[in-house]
N, C-alpha and C. Protein backbone atom coordinates (compact mmCIF):
# COMPACT_ATOMS: atom_id res chain seq x y z
N MET A 1 17.36 112.22 118.09
CA MET A 1 16.19 112.99 118.33
C MET A 1 15.04 112.03 118.65
N ALA A 2 14.21 112.39 119.56
CA ALA A 2 13.11 111.53 119.99
C ALA A 2 12.17 111.24 118.83
N GLY A 3 11.78 110.00 118.68
CA GLY A 3 10.84 109.64 117.64
C GLY A 3 11.48 109.26 116.32
N TYR A 4 12.78 109.43 116.20
CA TYR A 4 13.46 109.09 114.96
C TYR A 4 14.45 107.96 115.22
N ASP A 5 14.31 106.91 114.48
CA ASP A 5 15.24 105.78 114.58
C ASP A 5 16.09 105.74 113.33
N ASP A 6 17.37 105.56 113.51
CA ASP A 6 18.22 105.33 112.36
C ASP A 6 18.73 103.90 112.41
N GLU A 7 19.45 103.49 111.39
CA GLU A 7 19.90 102.11 111.31
C GLU A 7 20.86 101.75 112.42
N THR A 8 21.64 102.72 112.88
CA THR A 8 22.60 102.45 113.95
C THR A 8 21.87 102.08 115.23
N VAL A 9 20.84 102.84 115.55
CA VAL A 9 20.07 102.56 116.75
C VAL A 9 19.39 101.21 116.62
N SER A 10 18.84 100.91 115.44
CA SER A 10 18.17 99.63 115.24
C SER A 10 19.16 98.49 115.39
N ALA A 11 20.35 98.65 114.86
CA ALA A 11 21.35 97.59 114.97
C ALA A 11 21.75 97.39 116.42
N ASP A 12 21.87 98.50 117.17
CA ASP A 12 22.22 98.38 118.57
C ASP A 12 21.12 97.68 119.35
N ARG A 13 19.87 97.92 118.99
CA ARG A 13 18.76 97.30 119.69
C ARG A 13 18.72 95.80 119.48
N ARG A 14 19.19 95.35 118.34
CA ARG A 14 19.23 93.91 118.12
C ARG A 14 20.37 93.26 118.87
N GLY A 15 21.24 94.09 119.41
CA GLY A 15 22.39 93.57 120.14
C GLY A 15 23.54 93.17 119.24
N VAL A 16 23.47 93.52 117.95
CA VAL A 16 24.52 93.15 117.00
C VAL A 16 25.07 94.44 116.40
N GLU A 17 26.37 94.64 116.54
CA GLU A 17 27.01 95.82 115.97
C GLU A 17 27.22 95.61 114.48
N PRO A 18 26.94 96.63 113.66
CA PRO A 18 27.27 96.49 112.23
C PRO A 18 28.78 96.45 112.06
N PRO A 19 29.24 95.77 111.02
CA PRO A 19 30.69 95.66 110.82
C PRO A 19 31.30 96.99 110.41
N ARG A 20 32.61 97.09 110.62
CA ARG A 20 33.35 98.27 110.16
C ARG A 20 33.36 98.28 108.64
N PRO A 21 33.71 99.42 108.05
CA PRO A 21 33.75 99.46 106.58
C PRO A 21 34.61 98.33 106.04
N ARG A 22 34.10 97.64 105.04
CA ARG A 22 34.81 96.51 104.47
C ARG A 22 34.92 96.68 102.97
N ILE A 23 35.91 96.01 102.45
CA ILE A 23 36.11 96.01 101.01
C ILE A 23 36.62 94.63 100.62
N ASP A 24 36.18 94.17 99.49
CA ASP A 24 36.66 92.90 98.95
C ASP A 24 38.01 93.19 98.29
N ALA A 25 39.08 93.01 99.07
CA ALA A 25 40.42 93.40 98.63
C ALA A 25 40.86 92.64 97.38
N ALA A 26 40.53 91.37 97.30
CA ALA A 26 40.93 90.58 96.13
C ALA A 26 40.29 91.14 94.86
N ARG A 27 39.04 91.51 94.97
CA ARG A 27 38.33 92.08 93.81
C ARG A 27 38.93 93.43 93.42
N LEU A 28 39.23 94.27 94.43
CA LEU A 28 39.82 95.58 94.17
C LEU A 28 41.17 95.45 93.49
N TRP A 29 42.04 94.61 94.03
CA TRP A 29 43.40 94.50 93.50
C TRP A 29 43.43 93.77 92.15
N ALA A 30 42.48 92.88 91.90
CA ALA A 30 42.39 92.27 90.57
C ALA A 30 42.01 93.34 89.55
N GLY A 31 41.08 94.21 89.93
CA GLY A 31 40.73 95.33 89.05
C GLY A 31 41.90 96.27 88.86
N GLY A 32 42.66 96.52 89.92
CA GLY A 32 43.84 97.38 89.81
C GLY A 32 44.90 96.79 88.90
N ALA A 33 45.09 95.48 88.97
CA ALA A 33 46.06 94.82 88.09
C ALA A 33 45.61 94.91 86.63
N ALA A 34 44.32 94.70 86.40
CA ALA A 34 43.80 94.82 85.04
C ALA A 34 43.95 96.26 84.53
N CYS A 35 43.72 97.22 85.42
CA CYS A 35 43.88 98.63 85.04
C CYS A 35 45.34 98.93 84.72
N ALA A 36 46.28 98.32 85.43
CA ALA A 36 47.70 98.52 85.16
C ALA A 36 48.05 98.03 83.76
N VAL A 37 47.50 96.90 83.37
CA VAL A 37 47.74 96.37 82.02
C VAL A 37 47.16 97.33 80.98
N VAL A 38 45.94 97.80 81.23
CA VAL A 38 45.30 98.73 80.29
C VAL A 38 46.13 100.02 80.17
N ALA A 39 46.56 100.57 81.30
CA ALA A 39 47.33 101.82 81.28
C ALA A 39 48.64 101.65 80.51
N ALA A 40 49.33 100.53 80.73
CA ALA A 40 50.58 100.28 80.02
C ALA A 40 50.32 100.15 78.51
N LEU A 41 49.25 99.46 78.15
CA LEU A 41 48.93 99.31 76.73
C LEU A 41 48.51 100.63 76.09
N ILE A 42 47.85 101.49 76.85
CA ILE A 42 47.52 102.82 76.32
C ILE A 42 48.81 103.58 76.01
N GLY A 43 49.79 103.48 76.91
CA GLY A 43 51.08 104.12 76.65
C GLY A 43 51.73 103.58 75.40
N LEU A 44 51.74 102.27 75.23
CA LEU A 44 52.36 101.65 74.06
C LEU A 44 51.62 102.03 72.77
N VAL A 45 50.30 101.89 72.78
CA VAL A 45 49.52 102.22 71.59
C VAL A 45 49.62 103.72 71.28
N GLY A 46 49.66 104.54 72.33
CA GLY A 46 49.82 105.97 72.12
C GLY A 46 51.12 106.30 71.41
N VAL A 47 52.20 105.68 71.83
CA VAL A 47 53.50 105.90 71.18
C VAL A 47 53.44 105.41 69.73
N LEU A 48 52.84 104.23 69.51
CA LEU A 48 52.74 103.71 68.15
C LEU A 48 51.95 104.66 67.24
N VAL A 49 50.83 105.14 67.73
CA VAL A 49 49.99 106.04 66.92
C VAL A 49 50.73 107.35 66.64
N ILE A 50 51.33 107.92 67.67
CA ILE A 50 52.02 109.20 67.50
C ILE A 50 53.19 109.07 66.53
N ARG A 51 53.96 107.98 66.65
CA ARG A 51 55.13 107.81 65.80
C ARG A 51 54.76 107.38 64.38
N ALA A 52 53.83 106.42 64.25
CA ALA A 52 53.53 105.86 62.93
C ALA A 52 52.53 106.70 62.14
N VAL A 53 51.47 107.14 62.79
CA VAL A 53 50.42 107.85 62.07
C VAL A 53 50.75 109.32 61.91
N PHE A 54 51.19 109.96 62.99
CA PHE A 54 51.43 111.40 62.94
C PHE A 54 52.90 111.75 62.67
N ASN A 55 53.77 110.73 62.63
CA ASN A 55 55.18 110.91 62.30
C ASN A 55 55.87 111.94 63.21
N VAL A 56 55.55 111.87 64.49
CA VAL A 56 56.17 112.75 65.49
C VAL A 56 57.22 111.92 66.22
N ALA A 57 58.42 112.47 66.36
CA ALA A 57 59.52 111.75 67.01
C ALA A 57 59.39 111.82 68.53
N PHE A 58 58.37 111.16 69.02
CA PHE A 58 58.17 111.06 70.46
C PHE A 58 58.77 109.74 70.93
N ALA A 59 59.38 109.72 72.08
CA ALA A 59 60.02 108.52 72.64
C ALA A 59 61.16 108.03 71.76
N GLY A 60 62.04 108.93 71.39
CA GLY A 60 63.21 108.57 70.60
C GLY A 60 63.23 109.28 69.26
N SER A 61 64.32 109.13 68.56
CA SER A 61 64.46 109.77 67.26
C SER A 61 63.66 109.01 66.21
N HIS A 62 63.60 109.57 65.00
CA HIS A 62 62.89 108.90 63.91
C HIS A 62 63.54 107.56 63.57
N GLU A 63 64.83 107.44 63.75
CA GLU A 63 65.55 106.21 63.43
C GLU A 63 65.30 105.09 64.44
N ALA A 64 64.67 105.40 65.57
CA ALA A 64 64.45 104.39 66.62
C ALA A 64 63.37 103.38 66.25
N GLY A 65 62.66 103.59 65.18
CA GLY A 65 61.62 102.65 64.77
C GLY A 65 60.26 103.04 65.34
N VAL A 66 59.27 102.22 65.02
CA VAL A 66 57.90 102.55 65.38
C VAL A 66 57.65 102.47 66.89
N PHE A 67 58.42 101.64 67.60
CA PHE A 67 58.24 101.52 69.05
C PHE A 67 59.04 102.56 69.83
N GLY A 68 59.89 103.29 69.18
CA GLY A 68 60.70 104.27 69.89
C GLY A 68 61.87 103.60 70.58
N ASP A 69 62.39 104.26 71.62
CA ASP A 69 63.54 103.71 72.34
C ASP A 69 63.11 103.23 73.73
N TYR A 70 64.04 103.16 74.64
CA TYR A 70 63.77 102.66 76.00
C TYR A 70 62.71 103.50 76.72
N SER A 71 62.54 104.75 76.33
CA SER A 71 61.57 105.60 77.03
C SER A 71 60.14 105.11 76.83
N THR A 72 59.87 104.33 75.78
CA THR A 72 58.55 103.74 75.61
C THR A 72 58.29 102.73 76.72
N ALA A 73 59.29 101.90 77.02
CA ALA A 73 59.15 100.93 78.10
C ALA A 73 59.00 101.64 79.45
N VAL A 74 59.72 102.73 79.64
CA VAL A 74 59.61 103.49 80.89
C VAL A 74 58.21 104.08 81.02
N LEU A 75 57.67 104.63 79.93
CA LEU A 75 56.32 105.18 79.94
C LEU A 75 55.30 104.10 80.31
N CYS A 76 55.40 102.94 79.70
CA CYS A 76 54.46 101.85 79.99
C CYS A 76 54.58 101.38 81.44
N ALA A 77 55.80 101.27 81.94
CA ALA A 77 56.01 100.85 83.32
C ALA A 77 55.46 101.89 84.30
N LEU A 78 55.68 103.16 84.03
CA LEU A 78 55.18 104.21 84.91
C LEU A 78 53.65 104.30 84.87
N ALA A 79 53.06 104.05 83.71
CA ALA A 79 51.59 104.03 83.61
C ALA A 79 51.02 102.90 84.46
N ALA A 80 51.64 101.72 84.37
CA ALA A 80 51.19 100.59 85.19
C ALA A 80 51.38 100.89 86.67
N LEU A 81 52.51 101.49 87.02
CA LEU A 81 52.76 101.85 88.42
C LEU A 81 51.75 102.87 88.93
N ALA A 82 51.37 103.82 88.08
CA ALA A 82 50.37 104.81 88.48
C ALA A 82 49.02 104.13 88.76
N ALA A 83 48.66 103.14 87.97
CA ALA A 83 47.41 102.41 88.21
C ALA A 83 47.47 101.64 89.52
N ILE A 84 48.59 101.03 89.81
CA ILE A 84 48.74 100.29 91.07
C ILE A 84 48.71 101.27 92.25
N ALA A 85 49.36 102.42 92.11
CA ALA A 85 49.34 103.43 93.17
C ALA A 85 47.91 103.94 93.40
N ALA A 86 47.17 104.14 92.33
CA ALA A 86 45.77 104.59 92.47
C ALA A 86 44.93 103.53 93.16
N THR A 87 45.21 102.27 92.89
CA THR A 87 44.49 101.18 93.55
C THR A 87 44.80 101.16 95.04
N GLY A 88 46.07 101.34 95.40
CA GLY A 88 46.43 101.41 96.81
C GLY A 88 45.78 102.59 97.50
N LEU A 89 45.74 103.72 96.82
CA LEU A 89 45.09 104.90 97.37
C LEU A 89 43.60 104.65 97.55
N ALA A 90 42.97 103.99 96.58
CA ALA A 90 41.55 103.67 96.70
C ALA A 90 41.29 102.79 97.91
N HIS A 91 42.14 101.80 98.11
CA HIS A 91 41.99 100.90 99.25
C HIS A 91 42.10 101.69 100.56
N LEU A 92 43.09 102.54 100.66
CA LEU A 92 43.28 103.36 101.86
C LEU A 92 42.09 104.29 102.09
N LEU A 93 41.62 104.94 101.05
CA LEU A 93 40.50 105.87 101.20
C LEU A 93 39.21 105.17 101.59
N VAL A 94 38.96 103.99 101.03
CA VAL A 94 37.74 103.24 101.38
C VAL A 94 37.74 102.88 102.86
N LEU A 95 38.90 102.55 103.38
CA LEU A 95 38.97 102.15 104.79
C LEU A 95 38.99 103.33 105.75
N SER A 96 39.27 104.55 105.26
CA SER A 96 39.52 105.62 106.21
C SER A 96 38.71 106.90 106.03
N THR A 97 38.02 107.09 104.92
CA THR A 97 37.37 108.38 104.70
C THR A 97 35.90 108.21 104.36
N PRO A 98 35.11 109.25 104.64
CA PRO A 98 33.74 109.24 104.13
C PRO A 98 33.78 109.58 102.63
N ARG A 99 32.88 109.04 101.86
CA ARG A 99 32.81 109.29 100.42
C ARG A 99 34.16 109.09 99.72
N PRO A 100 34.75 107.92 99.87
CA PRO A 100 36.11 107.69 99.35
C PRO A 100 36.23 107.87 97.84
N LEU A 101 35.21 107.53 97.09
CA LEU A 101 35.32 107.63 95.63
C LEU A 101 35.33 109.08 95.16
N ALA A 102 34.70 109.96 95.91
CA ALA A 102 34.76 111.39 95.56
C ALA A 102 36.18 111.91 95.73
N TYR A 103 36.81 111.56 96.85
CA TYR A 103 38.19 111.99 97.07
C TYR A 103 39.13 111.36 96.04
N LEU A 104 38.91 110.10 95.74
CA LEU A 104 39.75 109.41 94.76
C LEU A 104 39.64 110.07 93.40
N GLY A 105 38.43 110.41 92.99
CA GLY A 105 38.23 111.07 91.71
C GLY A 105 38.96 112.40 91.63
N TRP A 106 38.87 113.19 92.70
CA TRP A 106 39.56 114.48 92.71
C TRP A 106 41.07 114.29 92.66
N ILE A 107 41.59 113.36 93.43
CA ILE A 107 43.04 113.15 93.45
C ILE A 107 43.54 112.69 92.09
N ILE A 108 42.88 111.71 91.50
CA ILE A 108 43.30 111.22 90.18
C ILE A 108 43.17 112.32 89.14
N GLY A 109 42.09 113.09 89.20
CA GLY A 109 41.89 114.18 88.24
C GLY A 109 42.97 115.24 88.33
N LEU A 110 43.34 115.62 89.55
CA LEU A 110 44.37 116.64 89.72
C LEU A 110 45.76 116.14 89.33
N VAL A 111 46.06 114.90 89.65
CA VAL A 111 47.35 114.33 89.23
C VAL A 111 47.40 114.23 87.71
N THR A 112 46.30 113.84 87.08
CA THR A 112 46.25 113.79 85.61
C THR A 112 46.45 115.17 85.01
N ALA A 113 45.80 116.18 85.59
CA ALA A 113 45.97 117.55 85.08
C ALA A 113 47.42 118.00 85.18
N ALA A 114 48.06 117.70 86.29
CA ALA A 114 49.48 118.06 86.44
C ALA A 114 50.34 117.33 85.42
N ALA A 115 50.05 116.05 85.19
CA ALA A 115 50.83 115.29 84.21
C ALA A 115 50.63 115.82 82.79
N VAL A 116 49.44 116.27 82.47
CA VAL A 116 49.16 116.79 81.13
C VAL A 116 49.87 118.12 80.89
N VAL A 117 50.01 118.92 81.92
CA VAL A 117 50.63 120.24 81.77
C VAL A 117 52.16 120.15 81.71
N THR A 118 52.77 119.21 82.40
CA THR A 118 54.23 119.18 82.50
C THR A 118 54.98 119.10 81.16
N PRO A 119 54.50 118.40 80.13
CA PRO A 119 55.27 118.39 78.88
C PRO A 119 55.45 119.78 78.26
N PHE A 120 54.54 120.68 78.53
CA PHE A 120 54.62 122.02 77.95
C PHE A 120 55.62 122.91 78.67
N LEU A 121 56.17 122.43 79.78
CA LEU A 121 57.16 123.20 80.53
C LEU A 121 58.57 122.99 80.01
N SER A 122 58.74 122.08 79.06
CA SER A 122 60.07 121.82 78.50
C SER A 122 60.28 122.66 77.24
N SER A 123 61.47 122.57 76.72
CA SER A 123 61.80 123.34 75.50
C SER A 123 61.65 122.48 74.25
N ARG A 124 60.95 121.36 74.34
CA ARG A 124 60.74 120.49 73.19
C ARG A 124 59.79 121.14 72.20
N PRO A 125 59.79 120.68 70.98
CA PRO A 125 58.83 121.20 69.99
C PRO A 125 57.39 120.98 70.48
N ILE A 126 56.51 121.87 70.09
CA ILE A 126 55.13 121.83 70.57
C ILE A 126 54.43 120.54 70.15
N GLY A 127 54.75 119.99 68.99
CA GLY A 127 54.14 118.74 68.54
C GLY A 127 54.47 117.57 69.46
N VAL A 128 55.71 117.51 69.89
CA VAL A 128 56.14 116.44 70.79
C VAL A 128 55.47 116.61 72.15
N SER A 129 55.41 117.86 72.64
CA SER A 129 54.78 118.13 73.93
C SER A 129 53.29 117.80 73.88
N LEU A 130 52.63 118.15 72.80
CA LEU A 130 51.22 117.86 72.65
C LEU A 130 50.96 116.36 72.60
N ALA A 131 51.80 115.64 71.87
CA ALA A 131 51.66 114.19 71.79
C ALA A 131 51.83 113.55 73.17
N GLN A 132 52.83 113.99 73.89
CA GLN A 132 53.07 113.46 75.23
C GLN A 132 51.89 113.77 76.15
N ALA A 133 51.37 115.00 76.08
CA ALA A 133 50.25 115.39 76.92
C ALA A 133 49.01 114.56 76.61
N LEU A 134 48.76 114.27 75.33
CA LEU A 134 47.60 113.47 74.96
C LEU A 134 47.70 112.03 75.47
N ILE A 135 48.89 111.47 75.41
CA ILE A 135 49.09 110.12 75.95
C ILE A 135 48.86 110.12 77.46
N TYR A 136 49.40 111.12 78.15
CA TYR A 136 49.20 111.22 79.60
C TYR A 136 47.72 111.38 79.93
N LEU A 137 47.01 112.17 79.13
CA LEU A 137 45.58 112.36 79.36
C LEU A 137 44.82 111.05 79.19
N ALA A 138 45.12 110.31 78.16
CA ALA A 138 44.44 109.03 77.93
C ALA A 138 44.71 108.05 79.06
N ILE A 139 45.94 108.00 79.53
CA ILE A 139 46.28 107.12 80.65
C ILE A 139 45.53 107.56 81.91
N GLY A 140 45.53 108.86 82.18
CA GLY A 140 44.83 109.37 83.36
C GLY A 140 43.33 109.12 83.31
N LEU A 141 42.72 109.28 82.13
CA LEU A 141 41.29 109.02 82.00
C LEU A 141 40.97 107.55 82.23
N ALA A 142 41.83 106.67 81.74
CA ALA A 142 41.61 105.23 81.96
C ALA A 142 41.71 104.88 83.44
N ILE A 143 42.75 105.37 84.09
CA ILE A 143 42.91 105.09 85.52
C ILE A 143 41.76 105.71 86.30
N GLY A 144 41.38 106.93 85.91
CA GLY A 144 40.31 107.63 86.61
C GLY A 144 38.94 107.01 86.44
N SER A 145 38.76 106.18 85.45
CA SER A 145 37.47 105.50 85.30
C SER A 145 37.51 104.06 85.78
N LEU A 146 38.64 103.38 85.58
CA LEU A 146 38.70 101.95 85.93
C LEU A 146 38.92 101.70 87.42
N VAL A 147 39.81 102.44 88.06
CA VAL A 147 40.09 102.18 89.48
C VAL A 147 38.88 102.51 90.36
N PRO A 148 38.23 103.67 90.19
CA PRO A 148 37.02 103.90 90.99
C PRO A 148 35.92 102.87 90.72
N GLY A 149 35.83 102.40 89.49
CA GLY A 149 34.85 101.36 89.19
C GLY A 149 35.16 100.07 89.91
N ALA A 150 36.44 99.70 89.96
CA ALA A 150 36.83 98.50 90.70
C ALA A 150 36.57 98.67 92.19
N ALA A 151 36.85 99.86 92.71
CA ALA A 151 36.61 100.12 94.14
C ALA A 151 35.13 100.06 94.45
N ALA A 152 34.30 100.64 93.61
CA ALA A 152 32.85 100.60 93.83
C ALA A 152 32.35 99.16 93.80
N SER A 153 32.85 98.38 92.88
CA SER A 153 32.46 96.98 92.79
C SER A 153 32.90 96.21 94.03
N ALA A 154 34.10 96.47 94.50
CA ALA A 154 34.60 95.78 95.69
C ALA A 154 33.82 96.19 96.94
N MET A 155 33.41 97.45 97.00
CA MET A 155 32.61 97.90 98.14
C MET A 155 31.20 97.31 98.07
N ARG A 156 30.63 97.21 96.87
CA ARG A 156 29.28 96.69 96.69
C ARG A 156 29.21 95.22 97.10
N SER A 157 30.22 94.44 96.74
CA SER A 157 30.19 93.02 97.09
C SER A 157 30.27 92.83 98.59
N SER A 158 31.00 93.71 99.29
CA SER A 158 31.06 93.63 100.74
C SER A 158 29.75 94.11 101.36
N ARG A 159 29.13 95.12 100.78
CA ARG A 159 27.87 95.66 101.29
C ARG A 159 26.77 94.62 101.17
N GLN A 160 26.77 93.82 100.12
CA GLN A 160 25.75 92.79 99.95
C GLN A 160 25.82 91.78 101.09
N ARG A 161 27.03 91.47 101.53
CA ARG A 161 27.17 90.56 102.67
C ARG A 161 26.60 91.21 103.93
N TYR A 162 26.83 92.53 104.10
CA TYR A 162 26.33 93.23 105.28
C TYR A 162 24.81 93.27 105.27
N GLU A 163 24.22 93.57 104.11
CA GLU A 163 22.77 93.69 104.02
C GLU A 163 22.09 92.34 104.23
N ALA A 164 22.81 91.25 104.00
CA ALA A 164 22.25 89.94 104.25
C ALA A 164 22.07 89.72 105.75
N GLY A 165 22.82 90.46 106.55
CA GLY A 165 22.68 90.38 108.01
C GLY A 165 23.48 89.24 108.59
N PRO A 166 23.47 89.17 109.89
CA PRO A 166 24.21 88.09 110.54
C PRO A 166 23.55 86.74 110.27
N GLY A 167 24.38 85.73 110.26
CA GLY A 167 23.87 84.39 110.03
C GLY A 167 23.12 83.87 111.25
N PRO A 168 22.67 82.62 111.19
CA PRO A 168 21.90 82.03 112.30
C PRO A 168 22.66 82.04 113.61
N SER A 169 23.99 81.99 113.54
CA SER A 169 24.79 81.98 114.78
C SER A 169 24.99 83.38 115.33
N GLY A 170 24.51 84.42 114.61
CA GLY A 170 24.67 85.78 115.07
C GLY A 170 25.97 86.43 114.64
N THR A 171 26.73 85.76 113.76
CA THR A 171 27.99 86.32 113.29
C THR A 171 27.81 86.82 111.86
N TRP A 172 28.62 87.78 111.49
CA TRP A 172 28.55 88.37 110.15
C TRP A 172 29.35 87.50 109.17
N PRO A 173 28.86 87.33 107.96
CA PRO A 173 29.63 86.58 106.97
C PRO A 173 30.93 87.30 106.63
N GLN A 174 31.94 86.54 106.32
CA GLN A 174 33.25 87.11 105.99
C GLN A 174 33.41 87.31 104.53
């Protein structure tokens, strides 16, 4: 519209195109790896609390001990894998969509809701289903807060380079 300048027009007038959306991938994936460790530990601590404190036979029979059976390791591995998958999704959304963190939040929230409901679809005792759902909820909340935070941080560090503008040679910092 006549009389209104936006940043795109100003950038074009300087003869320098602004860079495409960027993300500090190393920072994002380091945050995703840390989130994977946290998610796995939430699964482990959740099983310990449910079995030792509440005496619910989740992840194996009562005779399996405080850590349960192999399903505890499977839970921890799947929690870590979910965090890595969320990090990959965050990376893809940042590069391809407007408002990527809004979409990421909705996707993680809906997947968490589905995971929380699924234990109640089995014929297991309600205590076991409730314990499983609470562990899934805690894992989902951790992933839903840590991965978007890592993505925002990775986007912010790239934006700071953009706002600094092109260097003396007219090129954008990498």
